[in-house]
Protein backbone atom coordinates (compact mmCIF):
# COMPACT_ATOMS: atom_id res chain seq x y z
CA MET A 1 166.81 68.69 7.20
CA LYS A 2 167.15 71.05 10.15
CA ARG A 3 169.05 69.98 13.22
CA TYR A 4 167.26 70.33 16.54
CA ILE A 5 168.39 71.26 20.02
CA PHE A 6 166.76 71.58 23.43
CA SER A 7 166.89 74.66 25.63
CA SER A 8 168.28 74.27 29.15
CA ARG A 9 166.89 76.00 32.23
CA ARG A 10 169.91 75.13 34.37
CA THR A 11 172.49 77.12 32.42
CA GLY A 12 170.27 79.89 31.06
CA HIS A 13 171.59 79.39 27.55
CA ILE A 14 172.21 76.70 24.96
CA GLU A 15 174.24 74.10 26.78
CA ASN A 16 176.87 71.95 25.13
CA MET A 17 175.53 72.45 21.60
CA ARG A 18 177.56 69.70 20.02
CA HIS A 19 176.21 67.17 22.49
CA GLU A 20 172.62 68.40 22.21
CA ARG A 21 172.56 68.22 18.40
CA ALA A 22 172.58 64.45 18.53
CA LYS A 23 169.42 64.40 20.65
CA TYR A 24 166.99 65.20 17.83
CA PRO A 25 167.21 61.82 16.06
CA GLU A 26 167.81 60.08 19.37
CA ILE A 27 164.93 61.56 21.37
CA ALA A 28 162.45 63.62 19.36
CA LYS A 29 162.22 61.21 16.45
CA LYS A 30 162.15 58.28 18.86
CA ILE A 31 159.07 59.80 20.51
CA VAL A 32 157.34 59.72 17.13
CA ASP A 33 158.72 56.26 16.31
CA THR A 34 157.40 54.69 19.50
CA SER A 35 154.11 56.57 19.76
CA ASP A 36 150.77 55.49 18.34
CA ILE A 37 149.29 58.96 18.91
CA VAL A 38 151.17 62.26 19.11
CA LEU A 39 149.83 65.30 20.96
CA GLU A 40 151.32 68.52 19.61
CA VAL A 41 150.87 71.23 22.23
CA LEU A 42 150.57 74.71 20.69
CA ASP A 43 150.25 78.19 22.15
CA ALA A 44 146.80 79.32 20.99
CA ARG A 45 148.09 82.89 20.69
CA PHE A 46 150.79 81.84 18.25
CA LEU A 47 149.46 78.82 16.41
CA ASN A 48 151.73 78.91 13.38
CA GLU A 49 154.82 80.07 15.25
CA THR A 50 154.75 77.23 17.79
CA ARG A 51 154.16 74.42 15.29
CA ASN A 52 156.96 71.98 14.57
CA ILE A 53 156.46 71.30 10.86
CA LYS A 54 159.42 68.89 10.62
CA LEU A 55 158.02 66.62 13.30
CA GLU A 56 154.53 66.89 11.82
CA GLU A 57 155.95 65.69 8.51
CA GLU A 58 157.61 62.78 10.32
CA ILE A 59 154.31 61.89 12.01
CA GLU A 60 152.53 61.94 8.67
CA LYS A 61 155.30 59.91 7.03
CA GLN A 62 154.96 57.21 9.66
CA LYS A 63 151.17 57.35 9.39
CA LYS A 64 150.77 58.02 13.09
CA LYS A 65 147.75 59.76 14.62
CA ILE A 66 148.11 63.40 15.67
CA ILE A 67 145.99 65.57 17.97
CA TYR A 68 146.57 69.32 18.06
CA VAL A 69 146.25 70.68 21.59
CA LEU A 70 145.61 74.45 21.67
CA ASN A 71 146.69 75.65 25.10
CA LYS A 72 146.47 79.11 26.73
CA VAL A 73 143.08 79.93 25.21
CA ASP A 74 142.42 82.08 28.29
CA LEU A 75 145.01 84.48 26.87
CA THR A 76 143.57 84.41 23.37
CA LYS A 77 140.94 86.54 21.72
CA GLU A 78 137.92 84.57 20.54
CA LYS A 79 138.25 85.61 16.90
CA LYS A 80 141.76 84.14 16.69
CA LEU A 81 140.43 80.67 17.46
CA ILE A 82 138.62 80.63 14.10
CA GLU A 83 141.98 79.56 12.61
CA ILE A 84 141.71 76.23 14.39
CA LYS A 85 138.78 74.93 12.36
CA LYS A 86 140.57 75.82 9.15
CA LYS A 87 144.02 74.41 9.86
CA PHE A 88 143.91 71.89 12.69
CA PHE A 89 142.09 68.58 13.00
CA PRO A 90 141.53 66.81 15.27
CA TYR A 91 142.05 69.43 17.96
CA ALA A 92 141.29 70.23 21.58
CA ILE A 93 140.98 73.74 22.99
CA ILE A 94 142.29 73.95 26.56
CA SER A 95 143.70 76.16 29.27
CA CYS A 96 146.03 74.47 31.73
CA THR A 97 145.92 77.55 33.95
CA LYS A 98 142.11 77.58 34.15
CA LYS A 99 141.90 73.78 33.88
CA THR A 100 139.34 73.95 31.10
CA GLY A 101 138.95 71.58 28.16
CA ILE A 102 140.92 68.80 29.85
CA LYS A 103 137.97 66.41 30.04
CA ASP A 104 137.26 66.92 26.33
CA LEU A 105 140.89 66.19 25.51
CA ARG A 106 140.90 63.04 27.65
CA ASN A 107 137.82 61.80 25.82
CA LEU A 108 139.34 62.64 22.44
CA ILE A 109 142.50 60.69 23.27
CA LYS A 110 140.40 57.68 24.25
CA ARG A 111 138.34 57.89 21.04
CA VAL A 112 141.41 58.06 18.85
CA ALA A 113 143.06 55.24 20.84
CA LYS A 114 140.12 52.97 20.03
CA THR A 115 140.91 53.32 16.33
CA ILE A 116 144.38 51.84 16.83
CA GLU A 117 144.87 48.10 16.73
CA LYS A 118 147.88 47.09 18.81
CA ARG A 119 148.64 43.39 18.90
CA GLU A 120 151.93 41.93 20.02
CA PRO A 121 153.26 38.92 18.05
CA ARG A 122 153.70 36.02 20.45
CA GLU A 123 154.83 33.11 18.33
CA ILE A 124 154.62 31.63 14.86
CA LYS A 125 152.77 28.37 14.27
CA LYS A 126 152.74 26.79 10.83
CA ASP A 127 153.76 30.04 9.17
CA LYS A 128 150.98 31.81 10.98
CA ILE A 129 151.45 34.43 13.71
CA VAL A 130 149.47 33.87 16.88
CA PHE A 131 148.89 37.14 18.72
CA GLY A 132 148.93 37.70 22.46
CA LYS A 133 147.26 40.46 24.42
CA ASP A 134 147.12 44.01 23.03
CA LYS A 135 149.98 46.33 23.93
CA LYS A 136 149.40 49.59 25.72
CA ILE A 137 148.74 52.57 23.48
CA LYS A 138 151.61 55.07 23.63
CA VAL A 139 150.75 58.78 23.40
CA GLY A 140 153.77 61.01 22.77
CA VAL A 141 153.60 64.66 23.79
CA ILE A 142 155.65 67.15 21.78
CA GLY A 143 155.68 70.93 21.73
CA TYR A 144 157.60 74.14 21.59
CA PRO A 145 159.34 75.05 24.86
CA ASN A 146 157.01 76.67 27.41
CA THR A 147 153.74 75.80 25.66
CA GLY A 148 152.57 74.04 28.83
CA LYS A 149 153.38 70.40 28.13
CA SER A 150 154.31 69.47 31.70
CA SER A 151 151.25 71.16 33.17
CA LEU A 152 149.10 69.32 30.64
CA LEU A 153 150.65 65.96 31.55
CA ASN A 154 149.91 66.56 35.21
CA LEU A 155 146.28 67.39 34.44
CA LEU A 156 145.84 64.41 32.12
CA SER A 157 147.40 62.00 34.58
CA ARG A 158 145.54 63.64 37.49
CA LYS A 159 148.73 63.81 39.54
CA ALA A 160 151.97 65.79 39.70
CA GLY A 161 153.84 63.25 37.62
CA ALA A 162 155.87 65.70 35.52
CA GLY A 163 157.97 68.58 36.79
CA ILE A 164 156.53 72.04 36.13
CA GLY A 165 158.58 75.16 35.42
CA SER A 166 157.55 78.64 34.39
CA GLU A 167 160.73 79.13 32.37
CA ALA A 168 161.32 77.88 28.85
CA GLY A 169 162.90 74.44 28.47
CA PHE A 170 162.20 73.20 32.01
CA THR A 171 161.60 69.58 30.98
CA LYS A 172 164.96 68.02 30.13
CA ASN A 173 164.32 64.26 30.18
CA VAL A 174 161.78 61.94 28.63
CA GLN A 175 159.12 60.85 31.11
CA LYS A 176 156.48 58.12 30.98
CA ILE A 177 153.21 58.60 32.86
CA ASN A 178 150.11 56.41 33.11
CA PHE A 179 147.03 57.92 31.51
CA SER A 180 144.68 54.96 31.91
CA GLY A 181 144.86 51.20 32.14
CA ASP A 182 145.83 50.78 28.50
CA ILE A 183 147.32 54.17 27.61
CA ILE A 184 150.73 55.64 28.50
CA LEU A 185 151.79 59.28 28.05
CA ILE A 186 155.35 59.98 26.89
CA ASP A 187 156.76 63.47 27.48
CA SER A 188 159.72 64.99 25.63
CA PRO A 189 161.87 68.12 25.91
CA GLY A 190 160.72 71.15 23.91
CA VAL A 191 162.26 70.97 20.45
CA ILE A 192 163.14 73.84 18.15
CA SER A 193 165.50 74.09 15.20
CA GLN A 194 169.12 75.04 15.75
CA GLU A 195 168.97 77.53 12.87
CA ASP A 196 166.03 79.35 14.44
CA TYR A 197 167.61 79.35 17.90
CA SER A 198 170.81 80.99 16.62
CA SER A 199 172.62 82.82 19.42
CA SER A 200 174.03 85.34 16.93
CA ASP A 201 170.83 86.32 15.12
CA SER A 202 169.02 88.94 17.20
CA GLU A 203 165.88 88.76 15.04
CA LYS A 204 165.51 85.02 15.61
CA ILE A 205 166.28 85.31 19.32
CA SER A 206 163.66 88.04 19.56
CA LYS A 207 161.11 85.90 17.73
CA PHE A 208 161.52 82.90 20.01
CA THR A 209 161.58 84.96 23.19
CA ILE A 210 158.32 86.62 22.12
CA PHE A 211 156.75 83.22 21.47
CA GLY A 212 158.03 81.77 24.75
CA GLY A 213 160.90 79.62 23.46
CA LYS A 214 163.45 81.48 25.54
CA SER A 215 162.83 82.97 28.98
CA TYR A 216 163.02 86.70 29.66
CA THR A 217 165.66 85.83 32.28
CA GLN A 218 167.92 84.17 29.70
CA VAL A 219 168.29 86.75 26.92
CA LYS A 220 171.35 89.01 26.75
CA ASP A 221 169.78 92.09 25.14
CA PRO A 222 166.17 92.43 26.35
CA GLU A 223 165.86 95.97 24.93
CA ILE A 224 166.31 94.62 21.39
CA ILE A 225 163.54 92.07 21.95
CA VAL A 226 161.20 94.70 23.41
CA ASN A 227 161.82 96.72 20.24
CA GLU A 228 160.65 93.78 18.08
CA LEU A 229 157.70 93.15 20.39
CA PHE A 230 156.66 96.81 20.24
CA LYS A 231 156.62 96.79 16.42
CA THR A 232 153.80 94.24 16.31
CA TYR A 233 152.02 94.58 19.64
CA LYS A 234 152.30 98.33 20.29
CA LYS A 235 148.63 98.84 21.18
CA SER A 236 148.45 95.85 23.52
CA ILE A 237 151.51 97.01 25.45
CA GLU A 238 150.28 100.60 25.68
CA ASN A 239 146.89 99.42 26.93
CA HIS A 240 148.49 97.24 29.58
CA TYR A 241 150.70 99.98 31.00
CA LYS A 242 148.20 102.76 30.28
CA ILE A 243 150.78 104.86 28.48
CA GLU A 244 151.49 106.03 24.94
CA ALA A 245 154.94 105.71 23.36
CA TYR A 246 156.39 106.67 20.01
CA ASP A 247 158.97 103.88 20.00
CA SER A 248 160.37 101.16 22.27
CA ASP A 249 162.94 103.50 23.82
CA GLU A 250 160.19 105.83 24.98
CA LEU A 251 158.19 102.81 26.15
CA ILE A 252 161.07 101.54 28.31
CA GLU A 253 161.64 105.03 29.68
CA LYS A 254 157.99 105.53 30.67
CA VAL A 255 157.51 102.05 32.09
CA GLY A 256 160.76 102.35 34.06
CA LEU A 257 159.63 105.62 35.58
CA LYS A 258 156.20 104.22 36.36
CA LYS A 259 157.68 101.11 38.01
CA LYS A 260 160.46 103.16 39.65
CA PHE A 261 163.16 100.96 38.15
CA LEU A 262 165.85 103.59 38.57
CA LYS A 263 169.60 103.70 38.90
CA LYS A 264 171.53 106.32 40.83
CA GLY A 265 170.74 109.81 39.61
CA GLY A 266 167.18 108.87 38.67
CA ILE A 267 168.19 107.19 35.38
CA VAL A 268 165.86 104.41 34.21
CA ASN A 269 167.35 100.91 34.44
CA GLY A 270 166.72 99.87 30.83
CA ASP A 271 167.72 96.22 31.25
CA LYS A 272 165.50 95.66 34.28
CA THR A 273 162.57 97.49 32.69
CA ALA A 274 162.86 95.59 29.41
CA ARG A 275 162.93 92.27 31.28
CA GLU A 276 159.83 93.33 33.23
CA ILE A 277 158.00 94.02 29.96
CA LEU A 278 159.07 90.64 28.59
CA ARG A 279 158.05 88.95 31.85
CA ALA A 280 154.58 90.48 31.68
CA TRP A 281 154.31 89.39 28.05
CA GLN A 282 155.43 85.80 28.60
CA LYS A 283 153.20 85.41 31.66
CA GLY A 284 150.19 86.51 29.62
CA GLU A 285 149.59 89.68 31.63
CA ILE A 286 149.74 91.73 28.43
CA LYS A 287 146.72 90.71 26.38
CA ASN A 288 147.04 90.76 22.59
């Protein structure tokens, strides 16, 4: 089984890895253990890449209810959403930025909650358990870093109950927020596998920066990540900047000149330009 860690906004890199490793069974699995329903928040642009298969397997093993929440649909082409009907059920299609689909998700949570029988044992009389009042339904919220979990919690709870950050891994502690009279939302830090978040594997770092798991401000070699991004999303990037480029080096050169990100002597600042490209990508300004 993979070990899991949580990204940290405060340090800008993986903080105290040995300490963080212990948090997967202690926090992430506990969210599943204590929840009756689990919301898995996914980036609609990268459905497969932002899934946490290990936690999904744990949810299924414990026979808990799961709802797939497809966020950032405002950044997604309509034809890509066809995948949802084939792979995800039940699901809700939302945009936290545009505040769309939230009412449908609230209603879905309530419908699923009604299928759960929660009764708290009060005492035993003549070998028979007498039950008290029903417990509150617990809805755990899991998701890849920066998929919009905190923004979603605020919208569902109709108040700014959870901290919001635009950088990956902003949420660091578990939070409990009231959803309704008998339903509680439980937030958790974004969880990814340690193997995939390897600080020495440039391909994996590139992958998770592209999919939002690591902020453009945190990476050490943004030019390498832009190179990986350009391989797959060349046309989208060219359309956004209204330029044509043979490779990522030419892309950085042309964008740097266009943005006037120059060092002394008129040389393009490659690091600053690459981070600007990654910023535009992570913020959804570059449509794919």
